[in-house]
Amino acid sequence: MSLTANDVKKIAYLARLGIEESQVEHYAKDLSNMLDLMTRMGQTDTAGIAPMAHPLDQTQRLRADTAVETNQRAHFQAIAPQTEAGLYLVPKVIE
């Protein structure tokens, strides 16, 4: 896909980017090259390739999922303006 100078100006306007007039053709060429690369990558046959969670296929170091703070729900709800059945009550803002 090849972008024109007008396409780049329209994209820059929509993205609220200030591009100097002398750089428009340069941006058009670079963006066209990126879009061409994405098109070629989309055409690649990946049917027999398993997806990876990490580009270097490393495993994540995970910490144990344990509670480290005490439950202070009653304390926090005691200072709340309105609560009911363990829930915070807030004013209705959408009708």
C-alpha atoms as a PDB file:
ATOM      1  CA  MET A   1       0.000   0.000   0.000  1.00  0.00           C
ATOM      2  CA  SER A   2       1.410   3.330  -0.991  1.00  0.00           C
ATOM      3  CA  LEU A   3       0.478   6.501   0.882  1.00  0.00           C
ATOM      4  CA  THR A   4       0.383   9.875  -0.794  1.00  0.00           C
ATOM      5  CA  ALA A   5       1.382  13.211   0.691  1.00  0.00           C
ATOM      6  CA  ASN A   6      -2.322  14.046   1.104  1.00  0.00           C
ATOM      7  CA  ASP A   7      -2.847  10.794   3.055  1.00  0.00           C
ATOM      8  CA  VAL A   8      -0.014  11.700   5.417  1.00  0.00           C
ATOM      9  CA  LYS A   9      -1.398  15.211   5.916  1.00  0.00           C
ATOM     10  CA  LYS A  10      -4.846  13.773   6.689  1.00  0.00           C
ATOM     11  CA  ILE A  11      -3.390  11.251   9.164  1.00  0.00           C
ATOM     12  CA  ALA A  12      -1.306  13.979  10.804  1.00  0.00           C
ATOM     13  CA  TYR A  13      -4.383  16.196  11.124  1.00  0.00           C
ATOM     14  CA  LEU A  14      -6.474  13.409  12.673  1.00  0.00           C
ATOM     15  CA  ALA A  15      -3.662  12.509  15.083  1.00  0.00           C
ATOM     16  CA  ARG A  16      -3.054  16.193  15.865  1.00  0.00           C
ATOM     17  CA  LEU A  17       0.583  15.933  14.800  1.00  0.00           C
ATOM     18  CA  GLY A  18       2.557  18.840  13.458  1.00  0.00           C
ATOM     19  CA  ILE A  19       4.590  17.744  10.445  1.00  0.00           C
ATOM     20  CA  GLU A  20       6.749  20.136   8.504  1.00  0.00           C
ATOM     21  CA  GLU A  21       5.914  20.365   4.814  1.00  0.00           C
ATOM     22  CA  SER A  22       9.448  19.359   3.881  1.00  0.00           C
ATOM     23  CA  GLN A  23       9.079  16.078   5.813  1.00  0.00           C
ATOM     24  CA  VAL A  24       5.734  14.935   4.355  1.00  0.00           C
ATOM     25  CA  GLU A  25       7.249  12.902   1.507  1.00  0.00           C
ATOM     26  CA  HIS A  26       9.717  11.267   3.905  1.00  0.00           C
ATOM     27  CA  TYR A  27       6.858  10.263   6.230  1.00  0.00           C
ATOM     28  CA  ALA A  28       4.811   8.983   3.283  1.00  0.00           C
ATOM     29  CA  LYS A  29       7.694   6.739   2.185  1.00  0.00           C
ATOM     30  CA  ASP A  30       8.374   5.420   5.709  1.00  0.00           C
ATOM     31  CA  LEU A  31       4.696   4.772   6.484  1.00  0.00           C
ATOM     32  CA  SER A  32       4.219   3.029   3.122  1.00  0.00           C
ATOM     33  CA  ASN A  33       7.185   0.774   3.862  1.00  0.00           C
ATOM     34  CA  MET A  34       5.738  -0.108   7.288  1.00  0.00           C
ATOM     35  CA  LEU A  35       2.330  -0.905   5.813  1.00  0.00           C
ATOM     36  CA  ASP A  36       3.961  -3.059   3.124  1.00  0.00           C
ATOM     37  CA  LEU A  37       5.862  -4.964   5.809  1.00  0.00           C
ATOM     38  CA  MET A  38       2.643  -5.562   7.776  1.00  0.00           C
ATOM     39  CA  THR A  39       0.955  -6.819   4.600  1.00  0.00           C
ATOM     40  CA  ARG A  40       3.800  -9.257   3.903  1.00  0.00           C
ATOM     41  CA  MET A  41       3.779 -10.444   7.527  1.00  0.00           C
ATOM     42  CA  GLY A  42       0.029 -11.036   7.301  1.00  0.00           C
ATOM     43  CA  GLN A  43       0.520 -13.243   4.248  1.00  0.00           C
ATOM     44  CA  THR A  44       3.039 -15.511   6.016  1.00  0.00           C
ATOM     45  CA  ASP A  45       1.838 -19.082   6.611  1.00  0.00           C
ATOM     46  CA  THR A  46       1.880 -19.671  10.378  1.00  0.00           C
ATOM     47  CA  ALA A  47      -0.397 -22.739  10.439  1.00  0.00           C
ATOM     48  CA  GLY A  48       2.107 -25.098  12.074  1.00  0.00           C
ATOM     49  CA  ILE A  49       3.695 -22.624  14.494  1.00  0.00           C
ATOM     50  CA  ALA A  50       2.671 -22.572  18.146  1.00  0.00           C
ATOM     51  CA  PRO A  51       2.150 -19.109  19.658  1.00  0.00           C
ATOM     52  CA  MET A  52       4.686 -17.908  22.214  1.00  0.00           C
ATOM     53  CA  ALA A  53       3.946 -15.914  25.346  1.00  0.00           C
ATOM     54  CA  HIS A  54       7.359 -14.263  25.219  1.00  0.00           C
ATOM     55  CA  PRO A  55       9.530 -13.541  22.180  1.00  0.00           C
ATOM     56  CA  LEU A  56      12.496 -15.270  23.812  1.00  0.00           C
ATOM     57  CA  ASP A  57      10.262 -18.123  25.038  1.00  0.00           C
ATOM     58  CA  GLN A  58      11.190 -17.473  28.655  1.00  0.00           C
ATOM     59  CA  THR A  59       9.077 -18.482  31.613  1.00  0.00           C
ATOM     60  CA  GLN A  60       7.675 -15.882  33.967  1.00  0.00           C
ATOM     61  CA  ARG A  61       8.860 -15.749  37.531  1.00  0.00           C
ATOM     62  CA  LEU A  62       5.669 -15.556  39.535  1.00  0.00           C
ATOM     63  CA  ARG A  63       5.301 -14.895  43.218  1.00  0.00           C
ATOM     64  CA  ALA A  64       2.872 -16.802  45.370  1.00  0.00           C
ATOM     65  CA  ASP A  65      -0.611 -15.254  45.459  1.00  0.00           C
ATOM     66  CA  THR A  66      -0.948 -14.673  49.188  1.00  0.00           C
ATOM     67  CA  ALA A  67      -2.610 -11.884  51.153  1.00  0.00           C
ATOM     68  CA  VAL A  68      -0.016  -9.712  52.868  1.00  0.00           C
ATOM     69  CA  GLU A  69      -2.328  -7.139  54.492  1.00  0.00           C
ATOM     70  CA  THR A  70      -5.042  -7.627  57.043  1.00  0.00           C
ATOM     71  CA  ASN A  71      -8.672  -7.093  56.079  1.00  0.00           C
ATOM     72  CA  GLN A  72      -9.629  -3.522  57.029  1.00  0.00           C
ATOM     73  CA  ARG A  73     -13.048  -3.495  55.383  1.00  0.00           C
ATOM     74  CA  ALA A  74     -14.953  -2.733  58.591  1.00  0.00           C
ATOM     75  CA  HIS A  75     -12.607   0.179  59.361  1.00  0.00           C
ATOM     76  CA  PHE A  76     -13.005   1.681  55.884  1.00  0.00           C
ATOM     77  CA  GLN A  77     -16.771   1.255  55.859  1.00  0.00           C
ATOM     78  CA  ALA A  78     -17.064   2.841  59.302  1.00  0.00           C
ATOM     79  CA  ILE A  79     -15.871   6.158  57.870  1.00  0.00           C
ATOM     80  CA  ALA A  80     -17.875   5.894  54.611  1.00  0.00           C
ATOM     81  CA  PRO A  81     -20.949   8.146  54.302  1.00  0.00           C
ATOM     82  CA  GLN A  82     -23.354   5.292  53.453  1.00  0.00           C
ATOM     83  CA  THR A  83     -23.019   1.508  53.423  1.00  0.00           C
ATOM     84  CA  GLU A  84     -25.458  -1.363  53.329  1.00  0.00           C
ATOM     85  CA  ALA A  85     -24.827  -5.118  53.565  1.00  0.00           C
ATOM     86  CA  GLY A  86     -21.080  -4.572  53.177  1.00  0.00           C
ATOM     87  CA  LEU A  87     -21.448  -2.392  50.076  1.00  0.00           C
ATOM     88  CA  TYR A  88     -20.759   1.305  49.557  1.00  0.00           C
ATOM     89  CA  LEU A  89     -23.832   3.311  48.556  1.00  0.00           C
ATOM     90  CA  VAL A  90     -23.280   6.125  46.075  1.00  0.00           C
ATOM     91  CA  PRO A  91     -25.676   8.651  44.533  1.00  0.00           C
ATOM     92  CA  LYS A  92     -27.277   7.752  41.222  1.00  0.00           C
ATOM     93  CA  VAL A  93     -25.670   9.808  38.452  1.00  0.00           C
ATOM     94  CA  ILE A  94     -27.280   8.264  35.337  1.00  0.00           C
ATOM     95  CA  GLU A  95     -31.009   8.282  34.769  1.00  0.00           C
END
